[in-house]
Amino acid sequence: MQDRILRRLFLGFIQIHILHHAGKSPVYGSWMISELKTHGYEMSPGTLYPILHSLEASGLLEKEEQVVGGKVRKYYSLTESGRIILEEARKKAFELFREIK
């Protein structure tokens, strides 16, 4: 049960990480899995891709497909709506971190 609660809490952090990096430059799944791992998040493609698809369906990310090495790679970039949401999330995260510090 504790693991499930932590996963739900960390989902918000993971989404902020994705939006942050997609705002810097387009990201793709395997790169994002590696990046999240550097922050202590163990993710499988089966966990990450539904998050990416959800952020895309919400209009926060947009997807562009490119052929790389003979395979189609999906790159995700931050939309204008995503930028607005990310900025609000940053404000709330800073406020929370100051309070719990």
PDB file of N, CA and C in Angstrom:
ATOM      1  N   MET A   1       0.826  -1.198   0.000  1.00  0.00           N
ATOM      2  CA  MET A   1       0.000   0.000   0.000  1.00  0.00           C
ATOM      3  C   MET A   1       0.871   1.263   0.000  1.00  0.00           C
ATOM      4  N   GLN A   2       1.939   1.251   0.797  1.00  0.00           N
ATOM      5  CA  GLN A   2       2.829   2.407   0.856  1.00  0.00           C
ATOM      6  C   GLN A   2       3.433   2.694  -0.516  1.00  0.00           C
ATOM      7  N   ASP A   3       3.829   1.644  -1.241  1.00  0.00           N
ATOM      8  CA  ASP A   3       4.389   1.827  -2.583  1.00  0.00           C
ATOM      9  C   ASP A   3       3.383   2.491  -3.514  1.00  0.00           C
ATOM     10  N   ARG A   4       2.126   2.100  -3.399  1.00  0.00           N
ATOM     11  CA  ARG A   4       1.097   2.668  -4.268  1.00  0.00           C
ATOM     12  C   ARG A   4       0.897   4.153  -3.975  1.00  0.00           C
ATOM     13  N   ILE A   5       0.925   4.512  -2.710  1.00  0.00           N
ATOM     14  CA  ILE A   5       0.770   5.921  -2.321  1.00  0.00           C
ATOM     15  C   ILE A   5       1.953   6.738  -2.838  1.00  0.00           C
ATOM     16  N   LEU A   6       3.178   6.215  -2.655  1.00  0.00           N
ATOM     17  CA  LEU A   6       4.363   6.922  -3.150  1.00  0.00           C
ATOM     18  C   LEU A   6       4.318   7.069  -4.664  1.00  0.00           C
ATOM     19  N   ARG A   7       3.894   6.028  -5.373  1.00  0.00           N
ATOM     20  CA  ARG A   7       3.810   6.112  -6.841  1.00  0.00           C
ATOM     21  C   ARG A   7       2.855   7.219  -7.269  1.00  0.00           C
ATOM     22  N   ARG A   8       1.716   7.328  -6.566  1.00  0.00           N
ATOM     23  CA  ARG A   8       0.755   8.382  -6.906  1.00  0.00           C
ATOM     24  C   ARG A   8       1.352   9.758  -6.651  1.00  0.00           C
ATOM     25  N   LEU A   9       2.056   9.915  -5.521  1.00  0.00           N
ATOM     26  CA  LEU A   9       2.691  11.202  -5.222  1.00  0.00           C
ATOM     27  C   LEU A   9       3.778  11.525  -6.245  1.00  0.00           C
ATOM     28  N   PHE A  10       4.603  10.541  -6.562  1.00  0.00           N
ATOM     29  CA  PHE A  10       5.712  10.762  -7.488  1.00  0.00           C
ATOM     30  C   PHE A  10       5.239  11.002  -8.910  1.00  0.00           C
ATOM     31  N   LEU A  11       4.041  10.544  -9.261  1.00  0.00           N
ATOM     32  CA  LEU A  11       3.519  10.762 -10.611  1.00  0.00           C
ATOM     33  C   LEU A  11       3.508  12.251 -10.955  1.00  0.00           C
ATOM     34  N   GLY A  12       3.133  13.084 -10.000  1.00  0.00           N
ATOM     35  CA  GLY A  12       3.140  14.523 -10.249  1.00  0.00           C
ATOM     36  C   GLY A  12       4.543  15.047 -10.508  1.00  0.00           C
ATOM     37  N   PHE A  13       5.519  14.566  -9.723  1.00  0.00           N
ATOM     38  CA  PHE A  13       6.907  14.982  -9.944  1.00  0.00           C
ATOM     39  C   PHE A  13       7.389  14.532 -11.319  1.00  0.00           C
ATOM     40  N   ILE A  14       7.048  13.315 -11.692  1.00  0.00           N
ATOM     41  CA  ILE A  14       7.462  12.771 -12.989  1.00  0.00           C
ATOM     42  C   ILE A  14       6.867  13.602 -14.116  1.00  0.00           C
ATOM     43  N   GLN A  15       5.607  13.966 -14.000  1.00  0.00           N
ATOM     44  CA  GLN A  15       4.974  14.783 -15.033  1.00  0.00           C
ATOM     45  C   GLN A  15       5.652  16.150 -15.140  1.00  0.00           C
ATOM     46  N   ILE A  16       6.024  16.728 -14.016  1.00  0.00           N
ATOM     47  CA  ILE A  16       6.730  18.019 -14.044  1.00  0.00           C
ATOM     48  C   ILE A  16       8.089  17.846 -14.717  1.00  0.00           C
ATOM     49  N   HIS A  17       8.803  16.764 -14.402  1.00  0.00           N
ATOM     50  CA  HIS A  17      10.082  16.484 -15.078  1.00  0.00           C
ATOM     51  C   HIS A  17       9.884  16.409 -16.590  1.00  0.00           C
ATOM     52  N   ILE A  18       8.883  15.685 -17.022  1.00  0.00           N
ATOM     53  CA  ILE A  18       8.634  15.520 -18.459  1.00  0.00           C
ATOM     54  C   ILE A  18       8.346  16.867 -19.096  1.00  0.00           C
ATOM     55  N   LEU A  19       7.458  17.640 -18.501  1.00  0.00           N
ATOM     56  CA  LEU A  19       7.127  18.949 -19.068  1.00  0.00           C
ATOM     57  C   LEU A  19       8.359  19.853 -19.100  1.00  0.00           C
ATOM     58  N   HIS A  20       9.132  19.824 -18.038  1.00  0.00           N
ATOM     59  CA  HIS A  20      10.350  20.643 -17.974  1.00  0.00           C
ATOM     60  C   HIS A  20      11.296  20.312 -19.134  1.00  0.00           C
ATOM     61  N   HIS A  21      11.592  19.025 -19.309  1.00  0.00           N
ATOM     62  CA  HIS A  21      12.540  18.640 -20.352  1.00  0.00           C
ATOM     63  C   HIS A  21      11.966  18.843 -21.753  1.00  0.00           C
ATOM     64  N   ALA A  22      10.684  18.583 -21.922  1.00  0.00           N
ATOM     65  CA  ALA A  22      10.049  18.797 -23.226  1.00  0.00           C
ATOM     66  C   ALA A  22      10.019  20.279 -23.576  1.00  0.00           C
ATOM     67  N   GLY A  23      10.110  21.137 -22.576  1.00  0.00           N
ATOM     68  CA  GLY A  23      10.174  22.574 -22.812  1.00  0.00           C
ATOM     69  C   GLY A  23      11.550  23.042 -23.240  1.00  0.00           C
ATOM     70  N   LYS A  24      12.568  22.272 -22.905  1.00  0.00           N
ATOM     71  CA  LYS A  24      13.937  22.611 -23.307  1.00  0.00           C
ATOM     72  C   LYS A  24      14.216  22.154 -24.729  1.00  0.00           C
ATOM     73  N   SER A  25      13.826  20.924 -25.035  1.00  0.00           N
ATOM     74  CA  SER A  25      13.978  20.362 -26.378  1.00  0.00           C
ATOM     75  C   SER A  25      13.095  19.125 -26.457  1.00  0.00           C
ATOM     76  N   PRO A  26      12.730  18.709 -27.671  1.00  0.00           N
ATOM     77  CA  PRO A  26      11.876  17.530 -27.795  1.00  0.00           C
ATOM     78  C   PRO A  26      12.515  16.311 -27.127  1.00  0.00           C
ATOM     79  N   VAL A  27      11.670  15.495 -26.475  1.00  0.00           N
ATOM     80  CA  VAL A  27      12.135  14.300 -25.771  1.00  0.00           C
ATOM     81  C   VAL A  27      11.466  13.072 -26.379  1.00  0.00           C
ATOM     82  N   TYR A  28      12.101  11.921 -26.205  1.00  0.00           N
ATOM     83  CA  TYR A  28      11.494  10.656 -26.620  1.00  0.00           C
ATOM     84  C   TYR A  28      11.588   9.677 -25.451  1.00  0.00           C
ATOM     85  N   GLY A  29      10.803   8.642 -25.529  1.00  0.00           N
ATOM     86  CA  GLY A  29      10.586   7.750 -24.408  1.00  0.00           C
ATOM     87  C   GLY A  29      11.824   7.175 -23.755  1.00  0.00           C
ATOM     88  N   SER A  30      12.689   6.517 -24.521  1.00  0.00           N
ATOM     89  CA  SER A  30      13.843   5.866 -23.890  1.00  0.00           C
ATOM     90  C   SER A  30      14.788   6.891 -23.267  1.00  0.00           C
ATOM     91  N   TRP A  31      14.926   8.058 -23.877  1.00  0.00           N
ATOM     92  CA  TRP A  31      15.748   9.103 -23.274  1.00  0.00           C
ATOM     93  C   TRP A  31      15.123   9.556 -21.952  1.00  0.00           C
ATOM     94  N   MET A  32      13.801   9.722 -21.955  1.00  0.00           N
ATOM     95  CA  MET A  32      13.118  10.190 -20.753  1.00  0.00           C
ATOM     96  C   MET A  32      13.234   9.164 -19.635  1.00  0.00           C
ATOM     97  N   ILE A  33      13.170   7.884 -19.958  1.00  0.00           N
ATOM     98  CA  ILE A  33      13.350   6.838 -18.950  1.00  0.00           C
ATOM     99  C   ILE A  33      14.734   6.953 -18.320  1.00  0.00           C
ATOM    100  N   SER A  34      15.762   7.150 -19.146  1.00  0.00           N
ATOM    101  CA  SER A  34      17.129   7.311 -18.631  1.00  0.00           C
ATOM    102  C   SER A  34      17.255   8.557 -17.774  1.00  0.00           C
ATOM    103  N   GLU A  35      16.671   9.647 -18.212  1.00  0.00           N
ATOM    104  CA  GLU A  35      16.732  10.901 -17.459  1.00  0.00           C
ATOM    105  C   GLU A  35      16.052  10.748 -16.108  1.00  0.00           C
ATOM    106  N   LEU A  36      14.871  10.154 -16.096  1.00  0.00           N
ATOM    107  CA  LEU A  36      14.164   9.964 -14.834  1.00  0.00           C
ATOM    108  C   LEU A  36      14.937   9.053 -13.889  1.00  0.00           C
ATOM    109  N   LYS A  37      15.639   8.081 -14.450  1.00  0.00           N
ATOM    110  CA  LYS A  37      16.436   7.171 -13.628  1.00  0.00           C
ATOM    111  C   LYS A  37      17.529   7.933 -12.881  1.00  0.00           C
ATOM    112  N   THR A  38      18.107   8.974 -13.503  1.00  0.00           N
ATOM    113  CA  THR A  38      19.138   9.757 -12.827  1.00  0.00           C
ATOM    114  C   THR A  38      18.579  10.480 -11.599  1.00  0.00           C
ATOM    115  N   HIS A  39      17.256  10.613 -11.539  1.00  0.00           N
ATOM    116  CA  HIS A  39      16.601  11.258 -10.401  1.00  0.00           C
ATOM    117  C   HIS A  39      15.970  10.240  -9.458  1.00  0.00           C
ATOM    118  N   GLY A  40      16.261   8.958  -9.675  1.00  0.00           N
ATOM    119  CA  GLY A  40      15.784   7.921  -8.766  1.00  0.00           C
ATOM    120  C   GLY A  40      14.455   7.298  -9.118  1.00  0.00           C
ATOM    121  N   TYR A  41      13.915   7.613 -10.290  1.00  0.00           N
ATOM    122  CA  TYR A  41      12.641   7.038 -10.704  1.00  0.00           C
ATOM    123  C   TYR A  41      12.902   5.865 -11.642  1.00  0.00           C
ATOM    124  N   GLU A  42      12.468   4.680 -11.246  1.00  0.00           N
ATOM    125  CA  GLU A  42      12.577   3.498 -12.097  1.00  0.00           C
ATOM    126  C   GLU A  42      11.293   3.390 -12.906  1.00  0.00           C
ATOM    127  N   MET A  43      11.410   3.544 -14.222  1.00  0.00           N
ATOM    128  CA  MET A  43      10.230   3.519 -15.090  1.00  0.00           C
ATOM    129  C   MET A  43      10.405   2.501 -16.185  1.00  0.00           C
ATOM    130  N   SER A  44       9.332   1.844 -16.508  1.00  0.00           N
ATOM    131  CA  SER A  44       9.324   0.962 -17.679  1.00  0.00           C
ATOM    132  C   SER A  44       8.592   1.702 -18.795  1.00  0.00           C
ATOM    133  N   PRO A  45       8.804   1.279 -20.042  1.00  0.00           N
ATOM    134  CA  PRO A  45       8.039   1.896 -21.134  1.00  0.00           C
ATOM    135  C   PRO A  45       6.527   1.777 -20.913  1.00  0.00           C
ATOM    136  N   GLY A  46       6.103   0.673 -20.324  1.00  0.00           N
ATOM    137  CA  GLY A  46       4.682   0.468 -20.063  1.00  0.00           C
ATOM    138  C   GLY A  46       4.100   1.433 -19.046  1.00  0.00           C
ATOM    139  N   THR A  47       4.956   2.061 -18.263  1.00  0.00           N
ATOM    140  CA  THR A  47       4.525   3.091 -17.311  1.00  0.00           C
ATOM    141  C   THR A  47       4.667   4.475 -17.923  1.00  0.00           C
ATOM    142  N   LEU A  48       5.781   4.719 -18.611  1.00  0.00           N
ATOM    143  CA  LEU A  48       6.038   6.061 -19.147  1.00  0.00           C
ATOM    144  C   LEU A  48       5.116   6.435 -20.300  1.00  0.00           C
ATOM    145  N   TYR A  49       4.943   5.537 -21.255  1.00  0.00           N
ATOM    146  CA  TYR A  49       4.183   5.923 -22.458  1.00  0.00           C
ATOM    147  C   TYR A  49       2.744   6.324 -22.165  1.00  0.00           C
ATOM    148  N   PRO A  50       2.037   5.648 -21.254  1.00  0.00           N
ATOM    149  CA  PRO A  50       0.699   6.169 -20.928  1.00  0.00           C
ATOM    150  C   PRO A  50       0.731   7.583 -20.334  1.00  0.00           C
ATOM    151  N   ILE A  51       1.780   7.907 -19.592  1.00  0.00           N
ATOM    152  CA  ILE A  51       1.917   9.269 -19.051  1.00  0.00           C
ATOM    153  C   ILE A  51       2.113  10.258 -20.206  1.00  0.00           C
ATOM    154  N   LEU A  52       3.004   9.926 -21.132  1.00  0.00           N
ATOM    155  CA  LEU A  52       3.226  10.795 -22.294  1.00  0.00           C
ATOM    156  C   LEU A  52       1.942  10.970 -23.101  1.00  0.00           C
ATOM    157  N   HIS A  53       1.227   9.867 -23.328  1.00  0.00           N
ATOM    158  CA  HIS A  53      -0.019   9.938 -24.099  1.00  0.00           C
ATOM    159  C   HIS A  53      -1.066  10.780 -23.381  1.00  0.00           C
ATOM    160  N   SER A  54      -1.115  10.671 -22.064  1.00  0.00           N
ATOM    161  CA  SER A  54      -2.064  11.461 -21.285  1.00  0.00           C
ATOM    162  C   SER A  54      -1.733  12.954 -21.367  1.00  0.00           C
ATOM    163  N   LEU A  55      -0.448  13.280 -21.252  1.00  0.00           N
ATOM    164  CA  LEU A  55      -0.034  14.687 -21.361  1.00  0.00           C
ATOM    165  C   LEU A  55      -0.316  15.228 -22.761  1.00  0.00           C
ATOM    166  N   GLU A  56      -0.154  14.383 -23.768  1.00  0.00           N
ATOM    167  CA  GLU A  56      -0.474  14.789 -25.139  1.00  0.00           C
ATOM    168  C   GLU A  56      -1.981  14.986 -25.299  1.00  0.00           C
ATOM    169  N   ALA A  57      -2.770  14.038 -24.803  1.00  0.00           N
ATOM    170  CA  ALA A  57      -4.231  14.131 -24.910  1.00  0.00           C
ATOM    171  C   ALA A  57      -4.765  15.356 -24.177  1.00  0.00           C
ATOM    172  N   SER A  58      -4.054  15.779 -23.128  1.00  0.00           N
ATOM    173  CA  SER A  58      -4.458  16.963 -22.370  1.00  0.00           C
ATOM    174  C   SER A  58      -4.025  18.258 -23.045  1.00  0.00           C
ATOM    175  N   GLY A  59      -3.278  18.148 -24.137  1.00  0.00           N
ATOM    176  CA  GLY A  59      -2.839  19.331 -24.859  1.00  0.00           C
ATOM    177  C   GLY A  59      -1.585  19.976 -24.299  1.00  0.00           C
ATOM    178  N   LEU A  60      -0.882  19.267 -23.407  1.00  0.00           N
ATOM    179  CA  LEU A  60       0.327  19.832 -22.807  1.00  0.00           C
ATOM    180  C   LEU A  60       1.580  19.494 -23.605  1.00  0.00           C
ATOM    181  N   LEU A  61       1.529  18.394 -24.337  1.00  0.00           N
ATOM    182  CA  LEU A  61       2.623  17.975 -25.216  1.00  0.00           C
ATOM    183  C   LEU A  61       2.073  17.776 -26.618  1.00  0.00           C
ATOM    184  N   GLU A  62       2.953  17.972 -27.590  1.00  0.00           N
ATOM    185  CA  GLU A  62       2.607  17.611 -28.966  1.00  0.00           C
ATOM    186  C   GLU A  62       3.648  16.627 -29.465  1.00  0.00           C
ATOM    187  N   LYS A  63       3.202  15.707 -30.311  1.00  0.00           N
ATOM    188  CA  LYS A  63       4.054  14.613 -30.766  1.00  0.00           C
ATOM    189  C   LYS A  63       4.421  14.808 -32.226  1.00  0.00           C
ATOM    190  N   GLU A  64       5.682  14.497 -32.526  1.00  0.00           N
ATOM    191  CA  GLU A  64       6.166  14.490 -33.906  1.00  0.00           C
ATOM    192  C   GLU A  64       6.907  13.184 -34.118  1.00  0.00           C
ATOM    193  N   GLU A  65       6.573  12.478 -35.167  1.00  0.00           N
ATOM    194  CA  GLU A  65       7.241  11.213 -35.458  1.00  0.00           C
ATOM    195  C   GLU A  65       8.358  11.433 -36.464  1.00  0.00           C
ATOM    196  N   GLN A  66       9.516  10.827 -36.191  1.00  0.00           N
ATOM    197  CA  GLN A  66      10.667  10.900 -37.089  1.00  0.00           C
ATOM    198  C   GLN A  66      11.250   9.500 -37.227  1.00  0.00           C
ATOM    199  N   VAL A  67      11.765   9.209 -38.402  1.00  0.00           N
ATOM    200  CA  VAL A  67      12.430   7.926 -38.611  1.00  0.00           C
ATOM    201  C   VAL A  67      13.892   8.090 -38.213  1.00  0.00           C
ATOM    202  N   VAL A  68      14.317   7.255 -37.268  1.00  0.00           N
ATOM    203  CA  VAL A  68      15.693   7.285 -36.761  1.00  0.00           C
ATOM    204  C   VAL A  68      16.207   5.852 -36.794  1.00  0.00           C
ATOM    205  N   GLY A  69      17.253   5.620 -37.569  1.00  0.00           N
ATOM    206  CA  GLY A  69      17.811   4.272 -37.664  1.00  0.00           C
ATOM    207  C   GLY A  69      16.816   3.261 -38.200  1.00  0.00           C
ATOM    208  N   GLY A  70      15.953   3.680 -39.097  1.00  0.00           N
ATOM    209  CA  GLY A  70      14.969   2.786 -39.690  1.00  0.00           C
ATOM    210  C   GLY A  70      13.734   2.552 -38.835  1.00  0.00           C
ATOM    211  N   LYS A  71      13.672   3.182 -37.653  1.00  0.00           N
ATOM    212  CA  LYS A  71      12.520   3.022 -36.764  1.00  0.00           C
ATOM    213  C   LYS A  71      11.861   4.371 -36.536  1.00  0.00           C
ATOM    214  N   VAL A  72      10.566   4.335 -36.294  1.00  0.00           N
ATOM    215  CA  VAL A  72       9.841   5.564 -36.003  1.00  0.00           C
ATOM    216  C   VAL A  72      10.034   5.905 -34.523  1.00  0.00           C
ATOM    217  N   ARG A  73      10.521   7.113 -34.290  1.00  0.00           N
ATOM    218  CA  ARG A  73      10.699   7.599 -32.917  1.00  0.00           C
ATOM    219  C   ARG A  73       9.730   8.759 -32.718  1.00  0.00           C
ATOM    220  N   LYS A  74       9.051   8.742 -31.590  1.00  0.00           N
ATOM    221  CA  LYS A  74       8.080   9.789 -31.271  1.00  0.00           C
ATOM    222  C   LYS A  74       8.732  10.805 -30.341  1.00  0.00           C
ATOM    223  N   TYR A  75       8.805  12.038 -30.815  1.00  0.00           N
ATOM    224  CA  TYR A  75       9.353  13.137 -30.031  1.00  0.00           C
ATOM    225  C   TYR A  75       8.203  13.972 -29.477  1.00  0.00           C
ATOM    226  N   TYR A  76       8.337  14.356 -28.220  1.00  0.00           N
ATOM    227  CA  TYR A  76       7.309  15.145 -27.556  1.00  0.00           C
ATOM    228  C   TYR A  76       7.876  16.507 -27.192  1.00  0.00           C
ATOM    229  N   SER A  77       7.117  17.555 -27.538  1.00  0.00           N
ATOM    230  CA  SER A  77       7.497  18.940 -27.246  1.00  0.00           C
ATOM    231  C   SER A  77       6.397  19.596 -26.425  1.00  0.00           C
ATOM    232  N   LEU A  78       6.784  20.573 -25.645  1.00  0.00           N
ATOM    233  CA  LEU A  78       5.843  21.308 -24.812  1.00  0.00           C
ATOM    234  C   LEU A  78       5.007  22.245 -25.674  1.00  0.00           C
ATOM    235  N   THR A  79       3.712  22.283 -25.433  1.00  0.00           N
ATOM    236  CA  THR A  79       2.822  23.231 -26.109  1.00  0.00           C
ATOM    237  C   THR A  79       2.748  24.513 -25.279  1.00  0.00           C
ATOM    238  N   GLU A  80       2.084  25.503 -25.801  1.00  0.00           N
ATOM    239  CA  GLU A  80       1.891  26.746 -25.045  1.00  0.00           C
ATOM    240  C   GLU A  80       1.078  26.470 -23.786  1.00  0.00           C
ATOM    241  N   SER A  81       0.057  25.644 -23.892  1.00  0.00           N
ATOM    242  CA  SER A  81      -0.718  25.260 -22.697  1.00  0.00           C
ATOM    243  C   SER A  81       0.180  24.549 -21.690  1.00  0.00           C
ATOM    244  N   GLY A  82       1.078  23.715 -22.192  1.00  0.00           N
ATOM    245  CA  GLY A  82       2.022  23.020 -21.328  1.00  0.00           C
ATOM    246  C   GLY A  82       2.937  23.984 -20.603  1.00  0.00           C
ATOM    247  N   ARG A  83       3.366  25.043 -21.299  1.00  0.00           N
ATOM    248  CA  ARG A  83       4.226  26.058 -20.661  1.00  0.00           C
ATOM    249  C   ARG A  83       3.497  26.754 -19.504  1.00  0.00           C
ATOM    250  N   ILE A  84       2.235  27.056 -19.722  1.00  0.00           N
ATOM    251  CA  ILE A  84       1.443  27.722 -18.682  1.00  0.00           C
ATOM    252  C   ILE A  84       1.292  26.805 -17.470  1.00  0.00           C
ATOM    253  N   ILE A  85       0.962  25.550 -17.721  1.00  0.00           N
ATOM    254  CA  ILE A  85       0.799  24.582 -16.642  1.00  0.00           C
ATOM    255  C   ILE A  85       2.128  24.357 -15.917  1.00  0.00           C
ATOM    256  N   LEU A  86       3.217  24.229 -16.665  1.00  0.00           N
ATOM    257  CA  LEU A  86       4.531  24.025 -16.059  1.00  0.00           C
ATOM    258  C   LEU A  86       4.897  25.197 -15.155  1.00  0.00           C
ATOM    259  N   GLU A  87       4.648  26.398 -15.594  1.00  0.00           N
ATOM    260  CA  GLU A  87       4.975  27.574 -14.771  1.00  0.00           C
ATOM    261  C   GLU A  87       4.169  27.560 -13.478  1.00  0.00           C
ATOM    262  N   GLU A  88       2.904  27.220 -13.565  1.00  0.00           N
ATOM    263  CA  GLU A  88       2.071  27.148 -12.364  1.00  0.00           C
ATOM    264  C   GLU A  88       2.552  26.025 -11.442  1.00  0.00           C
ATOM    265  N   ALA A  89       2.926  24.891 -12.020  1.00  0.00           N
ATOM    266  CA  ALA A  89       3.445  23.767 -11.226  1.00  0.00           C
ATOM    267  C   ALA A  89       4.741  24.163 -10.524  1.00  0.00           C
ATOM    268  N   ARG A  90       5.604  24.906 -11.216  1.00  0.00           N
ATOM    269  CA  ARG A  90       6.852  25.377 -10.602  1.00  0.00           C
ATOM    270  C   ARG A  90       6.566  26.242  -9.382  1.00  0.00           C
ATOM    271  N   LYS A  91       5.633  27.170  -9.538  1.00  0.00           N
ATOM    272  CA  LYS A  91       5.286  28.052  -8.419  1.00  0.00           C
ATOM    273  C   LYS A  91       4.801  27.245  -7.221  1.00  0.00           C
ATOM    274  N   LYS A  92       3.912  26.293  -7.488  1.00  0.00           N
ATOM    275  CA  LYS A  92       3.363  25.475  -6.403  1.00  0.00           C
ATOM    276  C   LYS A  92       4.441  24.595  -5.785  1.00  0.00           C
ATOM    277  N   ALA A  93       5.334  24.046  -6.607  1.00  0.00           N
ATOM    278  CA  ALA A  93       6.410  23.196  -6.089  1.00  0.00           C
ATOM    279  C   ALA A  93       7.352  24.004  -5.205  1.00  0.00           C
ATOM    280  N   PHE A  94       7.742  25.206  -5.644  1.00  0.00           N
ATOM    281  CA  PHE A  94       8.615  26.054  -4.825  1.00  0.00           C
ATOM    282  C   PHE A  94       7.947  26.394  -3.500  1.00  0.00           C
ATOM    283  N   GLU A  95       6.676  26.726  -3.556  1.00  0.00           N
ATOM    284  CA  GLU A  95       5.933  27.049  -2.340  1.00  0.00           C
ATOM    285  C   GLU A  95       5.926  25.851  -1.385  1.00  0.00           C
ATOM    286  N   LEU A  96       5.651  24.665  -1.923  1.00  0.00           N
ATOM    287  CA  LEU A  96       5.628  23.454  -1.094  1.00  0.00           C
ATOM    288  C   LEU A  96       7.003  23.165  -0.509  1.00  0.00           C
ATOM    289  N   PHE A  97       8.046  23.223  -1.323  1.00  0.00           N
ATOM    290  CA  PHE A  97       9.394  22.923  -0.844  1.00  0.00           C
ATOM    291  C   PHE A  97       9.839  23.911   0.233  1.00  0.00           C
ATOM    292  N   ARG A  98       9.498  25.169   0.089  1.00  0.00           N
ATOM    293  CA  ARG A  98       9.829  26.155   1.130  1.00  0.00           C
ATOM    294  C   ARG A  98       9.122  25.802   2.436  1.00  0.00           C
ATOM    295  N   GLU A  99       7.899  25.343   2.341  1.00  0.00           N
ATOM    296  CA  GLU A  99       7.124  25.029   3.541  1.00  0.00           C
ATOM    297  C   GLU A  99       7.619  23.764   4.241  1.00  0.00           C
ATOM    298  N   ILE A 100       7.965  22.737   3.484  1.00  0.00           N
ATOM    299  CA  ILE A 100       8.360  21.470   4.120  1.00  0.00           C
ATOM    300  C   ILE A 100       9.831  21.361   4.402  1.00  0.00           C
ATOM    301  N   LYS A 101      10.613  22.304   3.942  1.00  0.00           N
ATOM    302  CA  LYS A 101      12.072  22.290   4.097  1.00  0.00           C
ATOM    303  C   LYS A 101      12.511  22.299   5.512  1.00  0.00           C
TER     304      LYS A 101
END
